[in-house]
Amino acid sequence: MLQYQEKLDAVFHALADPARRQMVEQLSRGPASVSQLAEPLAMTLSGVVQHLAVLEASGLVRSQKVGRTRTCTLDHNAIHPAEQWLTQRRTAWEKRLDRLGAYLDATKEEDEQ
């Protein structure tokens, strides 16, 4: 459980920053070099590299260096713990809201009688 929690925390931490989310979005369309990831961002190349380090530490991104070019790819499996956690929360809230709706319907029917 603890290891699962640490992975989940790392993924949410990585996705907490808008620049990192933008990089993940770009990588969801396919591999990109660090300079390609940096193009739309208003930050230095070293800033982009620091953000990529957070994404790599979370497991969301993998990179490979060939010559002078570092190419990054998105690891789609790394986001599954966050998806599962969110799905569990959504399911629990949907059940609660369904029960509330049933209760409100029942009280409405009682008031009408």
C-alpha atoms as a PDB file:
ATOM      1  CA  MET A   1       0.000   0.000   0.000  1.00  0.00           C
ATOM      2  CA  LEU A   2       2.793   2.427   0.872  1.00  0.00           C
ATOM      3  CA  GLN A   3       4.557   1.916  -2.463  1.00  0.00           C
ATOM      4  CA  TYR A   4       1.237   2.468  -4.271  1.00  0.00           C
ATOM      5  CA  GLN A   5       0.715   5.688  -2.290  1.00  0.00           C
ATOM      6  CA  GLU A   6       4.208   6.959  -3.104  1.00  0.00           C
ATOM      7  CA  LYS A   7       3.666   6.359  -6.832  1.00  0.00           C
ATOM      8  CA  LEU A   8       0.298   8.087  -6.678  1.00  0.00           C
ATOM      9  CA  ASP A   9       1.784  11.059  -4.822  1.00  0.00           C
ATOM     10  CA  ALA A  10       4.597  11.325  -7.381  1.00  0.00           C
ATOM     11  CA  VAL A  11       2.162  11.313 -10.311  1.00  0.00           C
ATOM     12  CA  PHE A  12      -0.088  13.968  -8.763  1.00  0.00           C
ATOM     13  CA  HIS A  13       2.962  16.068  -7.849  1.00  0.00           C
ATOM     14  CA  ALA A  14       4.243  15.821 -11.409  1.00  0.00           C
ATOM     15  CA  LEU A  15       0.863  16.826 -12.843  1.00  0.00           C
ATOM     16  CA  ALA A  16       0.414  19.701 -10.386  1.00  0.00           C
ATOM     17  CA  ASP A  17       2.446  22.103 -12.510  1.00  0.00           C
ATOM     18  CA  PRO A  18       0.896  23.593 -15.692  1.00  0.00           C
ATOM     19  CA  ALA A  19       4.175  23.420 -17.628  1.00  0.00           C
ATOM     20  CA  ARG A  20       4.559  19.717 -16.834  1.00  0.00           C
ATOM     21  CA  ARG A  21       0.935  19.065 -17.805  1.00  0.00           C
ATOM     22  CA  GLN A  22       1.620  20.830 -21.104  1.00  0.00           C
ATOM     23  CA  MET A  23       4.653  18.607 -21.672  1.00  0.00           C
ATOM     24  CA  VAL A  24       2.600  15.496 -20.899  1.00  0.00           C
ATOM     25  CA  GLU A  25      -0.081  16.713 -23.308  1.00  0.00           C
ATOM     26  CA  GLN A  26       2.514  17.225 -26.031  1.00  0.00           C
ATOM     27  CA  LEU A  27       4.067  13.811 -25.369  1.00  0.00           C
ATOM     28  CA  SER A  28       0.642  12.168 -25.567  1.00  0.00           C
ATOM     29  CA  ARG A  29       0.805  12.937 -29.295  1.00  0.00           C
ATOM     30  CA  GLY A  30       4.177  11.178 -29.649  1.00  0.00           C
ATOM     31  CA  PRO A  31       7.847  11.355 -28.689  1.00  0.00           C
ATOM     32  CA  ALA A  32       9.549  14.757 -28.643  1.00  0.00           C
ATOM     33  CA  SER A  33      13.001  16.123 -28.044  1.00  0.00           C
ATOM     34  CA  VAL A  34      13.704  18.373 -25.087  1.00  0.00           C
ATOM     35  CA  SER A  35      14.032  21.365 -27.426  1.00  0.00           C
ATOM     36  CA  GLN A  36      10.652  20.534 -29.014  1.00  0.00           C
ATOM     37  CA  LEU A  37       9.082  20.372 -25.552  1.00  0.00           C
ATOM     38  CA  ALA A  38      10.687  23.714 -24.675  1.00  0.00           C
ATOM     39  CA  GLU A  39       9.430  25.581 -27.784  1.00  0.00           C
ATOM     40  CA  PRO A  40       5.923  26.477 -26.543  1.00  0.00           C
ATOM     41  CA  LEU A  41       7.057  27.189 -22.984  1.00  0.00           C
ATOM     42  CA  ALA A  42       8.269  30.554 -21.717  1.00  0.00           C
ATOM     43  CA  MET A  43      11.243  29.176 -19.798  1.00  0.00           C
ATOM     44  CA  THR A  44      14.877  28.323 -20.220  1.00  0.00           C
ATOM     45  CA  LEU A  45      16.038  24.956 -21.497  1.00  0.00           C
ATOM     46  CA  SER A  46      17.469  24.196 -18.054  1.00  0.00           C
ATOM     47  CA  GLY A  47      14.030  24.912 -16.552  1.00  0.00           C
ATOM     48  CA  VAL A  48      12.463  22.435 -18.969  1.00  0.00           C
ATOM     49  CA  VAL A  49      15.077  19.848 -18.019  1.00  0.00           C
ATOM     50  CA  GLN A  50      14.230  20.328 -14.334  1.00  0.00           C
ATOM     51  CA  HIS A  51      10.544  19.788 -15.063  1.00  0.00           C
ATOM     52  CA  LEU A  52      11.387  16.707 -17.103  1.00  0.00           C
ATOM     53  CA  ALA A  53      13.337  15.346 -14.151  1.00  0.00           C
ATOM     54  CA  VAL A  54      10.163  15.542 -12.034  1.00  0.00           C
ATOM     55  CA  LEU A  55       8.159  13.825 -14.781  1.00  0.00           C
ATOM     56  CA  GLU A  56      10.787  11.096 -15.079  1.00  0.00           C
ATOM     57  CA  ALA A  57      10.936  10.597 -11.299  1.00  0.00           C
ATOM     58  CA  SER A  58       7.173  10.055 -11.292  1.00  0.00           C
ATOM     59  CA  GLY A  59       7.495   7.474 -14.054  1.00  0.00           C
ATOM     60  CA  LEU A  60       5.278   9.427 -16.450  1.00  0.00           C
ATOM     61  CA  VAL A  61       8.102  10.198 -18.876  1.00  0.00           C
ATOM     62  CA  ARG A  62      11.102   8.244 -20.094  1.00  0.00           C
ATOM     63  CA  SER A  63      13.971   9.715 -22.021  1.00  0.00           C
ATOM     64  CA  GLN A  64      16.747   8.386 -24.178  1.00  0.00           C
ATOM     65  CA  LYS A  65      19.818  10.247 -25.317  1.00  0.00           C
ATOM     66  CA  VAL A  66      21.196   9.581 -28.781  1.00  0.00           C
ATOM     67  CA  GLY A  67      24.144  11.796 -29.633  1.00  0.00           C
ATOM     68  CA  ARG A  68      23.257  15.317 -28.512  1.00  0.00           C
ATOM     69  CA  THR A  69      19.494  14.792 -28.686  1.00  0.00           C
ATOM     70  CA  ARG A  70      17.419  13.630 -25.723  1.00  0.00           C
ATOM     71  CA  THR A  71      14.082  12.208 -26.835  1.00  0.00           C
ATOM     72  CA  CYS A  72      11.229  11.877 -24.352  1.00  0.00           C
ATOM     73  CA  THR A  73       8.280   9.519 -24.473  1.00  0.00           C
ATOM     74  CA  LEU A  74       5.204   9.206 -22.315  1.00  0.00           C
ATOM     75  CA  ASP A  75       4.746   6.012 -20.308  1.00  0.00           C
ATOM     76  CA  HIS A  76       0.984   5.545 -20.514  1.00  0.00           C
ATOM     77  CA  ASN A  77       0.996   2.847 -17.807  1.00  0.00           C
ATOM     78  CA  ALA A  78       2.368   5.236 -15.181  1.00  0.00           C
ATOM     79  CA  ILE A  79      -0.862   7.209 -15.010  1.00  0.00           C
ATOM     80  CA  HIS A  80      -3.003   4.158 -14.182  1.00  0.00           C
ATOM     81  CA  PRO A  81      -2.676   4.520 -10.382  1.00  0.00           C
ATOM     82  CA  ALA A  82      -4.031   8.082 -10.616  1.00  0.00           C
ATOM     83  CA  GLU A  83      -6.819   6.976 -12.964  1.00  0.00           C
ATOM     84  CA  GLN A  84      -7.801   4.182 -10.589  1.00  0.00           C
ATOM     85  CA  TRP A  85      -7.775   6.494  -7.581  1.00  0.00           C
ATOM     86  CA  LEU A  86      -9.921   9.077  -9.380  1.00  0.00           C
ATOM     87  CA  THR A  87     -12.316   6.390 -10.616  1.00  0.00           C
ATOM     88  CA  GLN A  88     -12.760   5.067  -7.077  1.00  0.00           C
ATOM     89  CA  ARG A  89     -13.537   8.573  -5.807  1.00  0.00           C
ATOM     90  CA  ARG A  90     -15.944   9.261  -8.680  1.00  0.00           C
ATOM     91  CA  THR A  91     -17.752   5.946  -8.138  1.00  0.00           C
ATOM     92  CA  ALA A  92     -18.148   6.629  -4.419  1.00  0.00           C
ATOM     93  CA  TRP A  93     -19.564  10.115  -5.068  1.00  0.00           C
ATOM     94  CA  GLU A  94     -21.908   8.839  -7.772  1.00  0.00           C
ATOM     95  CA  LYS A  95     -23.306   6.272  -5.320  1.00  0.00           C
ATOM     96  CA  ARG A  96     -23.768   8.976  -2.684  1.00  0.00           C
ATOM     97  CA  LEU A  97     -25.508  11.264  -5.153  1.00  0.00           C
ATOM     98  CA  ASP A  98     -27.739   8.412  -6.338  1.00  0.00           C
ATOM     99  CA  ARG A  99     -28.766   7.731  -2.731  1.00  0.00           C
ATOM    100  CA  LEU A 100     -29.414  11.444  -2.198  1.00  0.00           C
ATOM    101  CA  GLY A 101     -31.526  11.570  -5.360  1.00  0.00           C
ATOM    102  CA  ALA A 102     -33.544   8.544  -4.232  1.00  0.00           C
ATOM    103  CA  TYR A 103     -34.049  10.125  -0.807  1.00  0.00           C
ATOM    104  CA  LEU A 104     -35.174  13.429  -2.319  1.00  0.00           C
ATOM    105  CA  ASP A 105     -37.574  11.608  -4.647  1.00  0.00           C
ATOM    106  CA  ALA A 106     -39.011   9.683  -1.711  1.00  0.00           C
ATOM    107  CA  THR A 107     -39.481  12.809   0.421  1.00  0.00           C
ATOM    108  CA  LYS A 108     -41.020  14.644  -2.536  1.00  0.00           C
ATOM    109  CA  GLU A 109     -43.545  11.835  -2.948  1.00  0.00           C
ATOM    110  CA  GLU A 110     -44.325  11.951   0.794  1.00  0.00           C
ATOM    111  CA  ASP A 111     -44.853  15.732   0.646  1.00  0.00           C
ATOM    112  CA  GLU A 112     -47.210  15.402  -2.308  1.00  0.00           C
ATOM    113  CA  GLN A 113     -49.440  12.931  -0.456  1.00  0.00           C
END
